Amino acid sequence: MEDELEALRRRRLEQLRQQQEAAQLQAAQQQELELKKQALLRQILTPEARERLNTLKMTRPELVEQVEAQLIVLAQSGKLQAKIDDAKLRALLQQLVPKKRDITIRRM
């Protein structure tokens, strides 16, 4: 009975080790991918544009991810001839952000 219990413990411990190794490998791959993405963004964005994206990331992270993905696709397909500056980035962001409706309240 004790041998079976010890064998179960060993198997469970081995499973936990494998899960931990897989999680570490996945984290390392994700970190490497993030570093490559940041390096590519450094190549295609001016410092001002990168600063704007970093500031926007605090409030709208999903929008920034979408913009970064689009910029990377454009850069990899060769459709970007020059670096994206702050003005071009603002124009791109305005296209992606839905227009807000102005609400006016009239008193009668």
N, C-alpha and C. Protein backbone atom coordinates (compact mmCIF):
# COMPACT_ATOMS: atom_id res chain seq x y z
N MET A 1 0.82 -1.19 0.00
CA MET A 1 0.00 0.00 0.00
C MET A 1 0.87 1.27 0.00
N GLU A 2 1.92 1.26 0.82
CA GLU A 2 2.80 2.42 0.89
C GLU A 2 3.58 2.59 -0.40
N ASP A 3 3.94 1.46 -1.05
CA ASP A 3 4.65 1.54 -2.33
C ASP A 3 3.78 2.19 -3.40
N GLU A 4 2.50 1.84 -3.41
CA GLU A 4 1.58 2.43 -4.37
C GLU A 4 1.41 3.93 -4.12
N LEU A 5 1.31 4.29 -2.87
CA LEU A 5 1.17 5.69 -2.50
C LEU A 5 2.42 6.49 -2.90
N GLU A 6 3.57 5.90 -2.68
CA GLU A 6 4.83 6.55 -3.05
C GLU A 6 4.94 6.69 -4.58
N ALA A 7 4.50 5.67 -5.30
CA ALA A 7 4.52 5.73 -6.77
C ALA A 7 3.58 6.83 -7.27
N LEU A 8 2.41 6.94 -6.65
CA LEU A 8 1.48 8.01 -7.02
C LEU A 8 2.09 9.39 -6.75
N ARG A 9 2.74 9.52 -5.64
CA ARG A 9 3.38 10.80 -5.29
C ARG A 9 4.46 11.16 -6.31
N ARG A 10 5.26 10.16 -6.69
CA ARG A 10 6.32 10.41 -7.67
C ARG A 10 5.74 10.83 -9.02
N ARG A 11 4.67 10.12 -9.45
CA ARG A 11 4.04 10.46 -10.72
C ARG A 11 3.47 11.89 -10.69
N ARG A 12 2.82 12.20 -9.60
CA ARG A 12 2.24 13.55 -9.46
C ARG A 12 3.33 14.62 -9.44
N LEU A 13 4.41 14.34 -8.75
CA LEU A 13 5.53 15.27 -8.69
C LEU A 13 6.14 15.46 -10.08
N GLU A 14 6.25 14.38 -10.83
CA GLU A 14 6.79 14.46 -12.19
C GLU A 14 5.85 15.26 -13.09
N GLN A 15 4.55 15.06 -12.93
CA GLN A 15 3.58 15.84 -13.71
C GLN A 15 3.71 17.32 -13.40
N LEU A 16 3.85 17.67 -12.14
CA LEU A 16 4.00 19.07 -11.75
C LEU A 16 5.28 19.67 -12.33
N ARG A 17 6.35 18.90 -12.32
CA ARG A 17 7.62 19.38 -12.91
C ARG A 17 7.45 19.64 -14.40
N GLN A 18 6.78 18.73 -15.10
CA GLN A 18 6.57 18.90 -16.53
C GLN A 18 5.71 20.12 -16.82
N GLN A 19 4.67 20.33 -16.02
CA GLN A 19 3.82 21.50 -16.20
C GLN A 19 4.61 22.78 -15.96
N GLN A 20 5.45 22.78 -14.95
CA GLN A 20 6.26 23.95 -14.64
C GLN A 20 7.24 24.24 -15.77
N GLU A 21 7.88 23.19 -16.29
CA GLU A 21 8.82 23.37 -17.41
C GLU A 21 8.10 23.90 -18.64
N ALA A 22 6.90 23.40 -18.91
CA ALA A 22 6.13 23.86 -20.06
C ALA A 22 5.74 25.33 -19.88
N ALA A 23 5.36 25.71 -18.68
CA ALA A 23 5.00 27.10 -18.40
C ALA A 23 6.21 28.01 -18.56
N GLN A 24 7.37 27.57 -18.10
CA GLN A 24 8.58 28.36 -18.24
C GLN A 24 8.97 28.52 -19.71
N LEU A 25 8.84 27.45 -20.47
CA LEU A 25 9.15 27.50 -21.90
C LEU A 25 8.21 28.45 -22.62
N GLN A 26 6.93 28.37 -22.30
CA GLN A 26 5.95 29.25 -22.92
C GLN A 26 6.23 30.71 -22.55
N ALA A 27 6.57 30.98 -21.30
CA ALA A 27 6.88 32.34 -20.88
C ALA A 27 8.12 32.87 -21.60
N ALA A 28 9.11 32.02 -21.78
CA ALA A 28 10.32 32.43 -22.49
C ALA A 28 10.02 32.73 -23.96
N GLN A 29 9.19 31.92 -24.58
CA GLN A 29 8.83 32.15 -25.97
C GLN A 29 8.03 33.44 -26.11
N GLN A 30 7.13 33.68 -25.17
CA GLN A 30 6.32 34.89 -25.20
C GLN A 30 7.19 36.13 -25.01
N GLN A 31 8.17 36.04 -24.12
CA GLN A 31 9.07 37.15 -23.88
C GLN A 31 9.93 37.42 -25.11
N GLU A 32 10.40 36.37 -25.76
CA GLU A 32 11.19 36.52 -26.98
C GLU A 32 10.37 37.18 -28.09
N LEU A 33 9.11 36.76 -28.22
CA LEU A 33 8.22 37.34 -29.21
C LEU A 33 7.98 38.83 -28.92
N GLU A 34 7.79 39.17 -27.66
CA GLU A 34 7.59 40.56 -27.27
C GLU A 34 8.83 41.40 -27.58
N LEU A 35 10.01 40.86 -27.33
CA LEU A 35 11.25 41.58 -27.63
C LEU A 35 11.40 41.83 -29.13
N LYS A 36 11.05 40.83 -29.94
CA LYS A 36 11.12 40.99 -31.39
C LYS A 36 10.12 42.05 -31.86
N LYS A 37 8.93 42.03 -31.27
CA LYS A 37 7.91 43.00 -31.62
C LYS A 37 8.37 44.41 -31.28
N GLN A 38 8.94 44.59 -30.10
CA GLN A 38 9.42 45.91 -29.69
C GLN A 38 10.57 46.39 -30.58
N ALA A 39 11.44 45.48 -30.98
CA ALA A 39 12.54 45.85 -31.87
C ALA A 39 12.01 46.31 -33.22
N LEU A 40 11.03 45.61 -33.75
CA LEU A 40 10.45 45.99 -35.03
C LEU A 40 9.73 47.33 -34.92
N LEU A 41 9.01 47.54 -33.81
CA LEU A 41 8.32 48.82 -33.63
C LEU A 41 9.32 49.96 -33.50
N ARG A 42 10.47 49.70 -32.90
CA ARG A 42 11.52 50.73 -32.80
C ARG A 42 12.01 51.13 -34.19
N GLN A 43 12.00 50.19 -35.11
CA GLN A 43 12.46 50.47 -36.47
C GLN A 43 11.44 51.26 -37.27
N ILE A 44 10.15 51.05 -37.03
CA ILE A 44 9.13 51.67 -37.88
C ILE A 44 8.47 52.89 -37.24
N LEU A 45 8.69 53.15 -35.96
CA LEU A 45 8.08 54.31 -35.29
C LEU A 45 9.15 55.29 -34.83
N THR A 46 8.81 56.56 -34.90
CA THR A 46 9.69 57.57 -34.34
C THR A 46 9.56 57.53 -32.82
N PRO A 47 10.52 58.10 -32.09
CA PRO A 47 10.42 58.09 -30.62
C PRO A 47 9.14 58.73 -30.09
N GLU A 48 8.69 59.79 -30.73
CA GLU A 48 7.45 60.46 -30.30
C GLU A 48 6.24 59.54 -30.48
N ALA A 49 6.20 58.83 -31.58
CA ALA A 49 5.09 57.91 -31.85
C ALA A 49 5.11 56.75 -30.85
N ARG A 50 6.31 56.24 -30.56
CA ARG A 50 6.41 55.16 -29.56
C ARG A 50 5.95 55.65 -28.19
N GLU A 51 6.31 56.87 -27.86
CA GLU A 51 5.90 57.43 -26.58
C GLU A 51 4.38 57.56 -26.51
N ARG A 52 3.78 57.99 -27.61
CA ARG A 52 2.31 58.10 -27.65
C ARG A 52 1.66 56.73 -27.46
N LEU A 53 2.19 55.71 -28.12
CA LEU A 53 1.63 54.37 -27.97
C LEU A 53 1.78 53.87 -26.53
N ASN A 54 2.94 54.12 -25.93
CA ASN A 54 3.15 53.69 -24.55
C ASN A 54 2.20 54.40 -23.58
N THR A 55 1.96 55.66 -23.82
CA THR A 55 1.02 56.40 -22.98
C THR A 55 -0.39 55.88 -23.16
N LEU A 56 -0.75 55.63 -24.40
CA LEU A 56 -2.10 55.13 -24.69
C LEU A 56 -2.30 53.72 -24.16
N LYS A 57 -1.22 52.95 -24.06
CA LYS A 57 -1.31 51.57 -23.59
C LYS A 57 -1.86 51.49 -22.16
N MET A 58 -1.64 52.54 -21.38
CA MET A 58 -2.13 52.55 -20.00
C MET A 58 -3.65 52.60 -19.93
N THR A 59 -4.27 53.29 -20.89
CA THR A 59 -5.72 53.43 -20.84
C THR A 59 -6.46 52.52 -21.81
N ARG A 60 -5.87 52.24 -22.96
CA ARG A 60 -6.52 51.44 -23.99
C ARG A 60 -5.59 50.35 -24.52
N PRO A 61 -5.23 49.36 -23.68
CA PRO A 61 -4.26 48.34 -24.13
C PRO A 61 -4.73 47.54 -25.34
N GLU A 62 -6.04 47.27 -25.45
CA GLU A 62 -6.52 46.48 -26.58
C GLU A 62 -6.39 47.26 -27.89
N LEU A 63 -6.59 48.56 -27.84
CA LEU A 63 -6.43 49.39 -29.03
C LEU A 63 -4.96 49.42 -29.46
N VAL A 64 -4.06 49.55 -28.50
CA VAL A 64 -2.63 49.59 -28.80
C VAL A 64 -2.18 48.26 -29.41
N GLU A 65 -2.67 47.15 -28.89
CA GLU A 65 -2.32 45.84 -29.46
C GLU A 65 -2.78 45.75 -30.92
N GLN A 66 -3.97 46.27 -31.18
CA GLN A 66 -4.51 46.25 -32.54
C GLN A 66 -3.64 47.10 -33.47
N VAL A 67 -3.27 48.29 -33.02
CA VAL A 67 -2.45 49.19 -33.83
C VAL A 67 -1.07 48.58 -34.07
N GLU A 68 -0.47 48.04 -33.02
CA GLU A 68 0.85 47.42 -33.17
C GLU A 68 0.79 46.27 -34.17
N ALA A 69 -0.24 45.46 -34.08
CA ALA A 69 -0.37 44.32 -35.00
C ALA A 69 -0.49 44.81 -36.45
N GLN A 70 -1.28 45.86 -36.67
CA GLN A 70 -1.42 46.39 -38.02
C GLN A 70 -0.10 46.96 -38.53
N LEU A 71 0.60 47.69 -37.68
CA LEU A 71 1.88 48.26 -38.09
C LEU A 71 2.89 47.18 -38.43
N ILE A 72 2.91 46.12 -37.65
CA ILE A 72 3.85 45.02 -37.91
C ILE A 72 3.53 44.33 -39.23
N VAL A 73 2.25 44.12 -39.49
CA VAL A 73 1.84 43.49 -40.75
C VAL A 73 2.24 44.38 -41.93
N LEU A 74 2.01 45.68 -41.81
CA LEU A 74 2.39 46.59 -42.89
C LEU A 74 3.90 46.60 -43.11
N ALA A 75 4.66 46.59 -42.02
CA ALA A 75 6.12 46.61 -42.14
C ALA A 75 6.63 45.32 -42.76
N GLN A 76 6.07 44.19 -42.36
CA GLN A 76 6.53 42.91 -42.88
C GLN A 76 6.14 42.71 -44.35
N SER A 77 5.04 43.33 -44.76
CA SER A 77 4.62 43.20 -46.15
C SER A 77 5.33 44.21 -47.05
N GLY A 78 6.09 45.13 -46.45
CA GLY A 78 6.86 46.09 -47.23
C GLY A 78 6.06 47.31 -47.67
N LYS A 79 4.93 47.56 -47.06
CA LYS A 79 4.09 48.68 -47.47
C LYS A 79 4.46 49.99 -46.78
N LEU A 80 5.38 49.93 -45.82
CA LEU A 80 5.84 51.16 -45.16
C LEU A 80 7.16 51.59 -45.78
N GLN A 81 7.17 52.80 -46.33
CA GLN A 81 8.39 53.30 -46.94
C GLN A 81 9.21 54.12 -45.95
N ALA A 82 8.54 54.78 -45.04
CA ALA A 82 9.23 55.65 -44.08
C ALA A 82 8.71 55.35 -42.67
N LYS A 83 9.42 55.91 -41.69
CA LYS A 83 8.99 55.73 -40.30
C LYS A 83 7.67 56.44 -40.06
N ILE A 84 6.88 55.87 -39.18
CA ILE A 84 5.61 56.47 -38.80
C ILE A 84 5.91 57.51 -37.72
N ASP A 85 5.53 58.76 -38.00
CA ASP A 85 5.74 59.79 -37.00
C ASP A 85 4.47 59.98 -36.17
N ASP A 86 4.53 60.92 -35.24
CA ASP A 86 3.42 61.13 -34.32
C ASP A 86 2.15 61.54 -35.05
N ALA A 87 2.26 62.39 -36.04
CA ALA A 87 1.07 62.86 -36.77
C ALA A 87 0.39 61.71 -37.52
N LYS A 88 1.19 60.87 -38.18
CA LYS A 88 0.62 59.73 -38.90
C LYS A 88 -0.04 58.74 -37.92
N LEU A 89 0.61 58.56 -36.77
CA LEU A 89 0.05 57.65 -35.78
C LEU A 89 -1.28 58.19 -35.24
N ARG A 90 -1.34 59.49 -34.97
CA ARG A 90 -2.59 60.09 -34.51
C ARG A 90 -3.69 59.91 -35.55
N ALA A 91 -3.36 60.09 -36.82
CA ALA A 91 -4.36 59.91 -37.89
C ALA A 91 -4.84 58.46 -37.92
N LEU A 92 -3.93 57.52 -37.77
CA LEU A 92 -4.31 56.10 -37.75
C LEU A 92 -5.20 55.80 -36.55
N LEU A 93 -4.86 56.35 -35.40
CA LEU A 93 -5.66 56.14 -34.20
C LEU A 93 -7.06 56.73 -34.35
N GLN A 94 -7.16 57.90 -34.98
CA GLN A 94 -8.47 58.51 -35.18
C GLN A 94 -9.34 57.68 -36.11
N GLN A 95 -8.72 56.98 -37.05
CA GLN A 95 -9.49 56.11 -37.93
C GLN A 95 -10.01 54.89 -37.19
N LEU A 96 -9.23 54.41 -36.23
CA LEU A 96 -9.61 53.19 -35.52
C LEU A 96 -10.58 53.43 -34.38
N VAL A 97 -10.49 54.60 -33.76
CA VAL A 97 -11.37 54.90 -32.63
C VAL A 97 -12.70 55.38 -33.19
N PRO A 98 -13.79 54.77 -32.74
CA PRO A 98 -15.10 55.20 -33.23
C PRO A 98 -15.39 56.63 -32.80
N LYS A 99 -16.10 57.31 -33.64
CA LYS A 99 -16.47 58.69 -33.35
C LYS A 99 -17.44 58.73 -32.16
N LYS A 100 -17.19 59.69 -31.28
CA LYS A 100 -18.10 59.87 -30.16
C LYS A 100 -19.21 60.82 -30.57
N ARG A 101 -20.38 60.52 -30.14
CA ARG A 101 -21.50 61.40 -30.43
C ARG A 101 -21.52 62.51 -29.40
N ASP A 102 -21.67 63.72 -29.88
CA ASP A 102 -21.81 64.84 -28.97
C ASP A 102 -23.25 64.91 -28.51
N ILE A 103 -23.41 64.97 -27.22
CA ILE A 103 -24.75 65.03 -26.64
C ILE A 103 -24.96 66.45 -26.16
N THR A 104 -26.02 67.05 -26.64
CA THR A 104 -26.34 68.40 -26.18
C THR A 104 -27.68 68.34 -25.46
N ILE A 105 -27.74 69.04 -24.38
CA ILE A 105 -28.97 69.07 -23.60
C ILE A 105 -29.55 70.47 -23.73
N ARG A 106 -30.78 70.50 -24.19
CA ARG A 106 -31.47 71.78 -24.36
C ARG A 106 -32.54 71.89 -23.29
N ARG A 107 -32.53 73.02 -22.65
CA ARG A 107 -33.56 73.26 -21.65
C ARG A 107 -34.71 74.00 -22.32
N MET A 108 -35.87 73.62 -21.97
CA MET A 108 -37.06 74.25 -22.58
C MET A 108 -37.79 75.06 -21.57
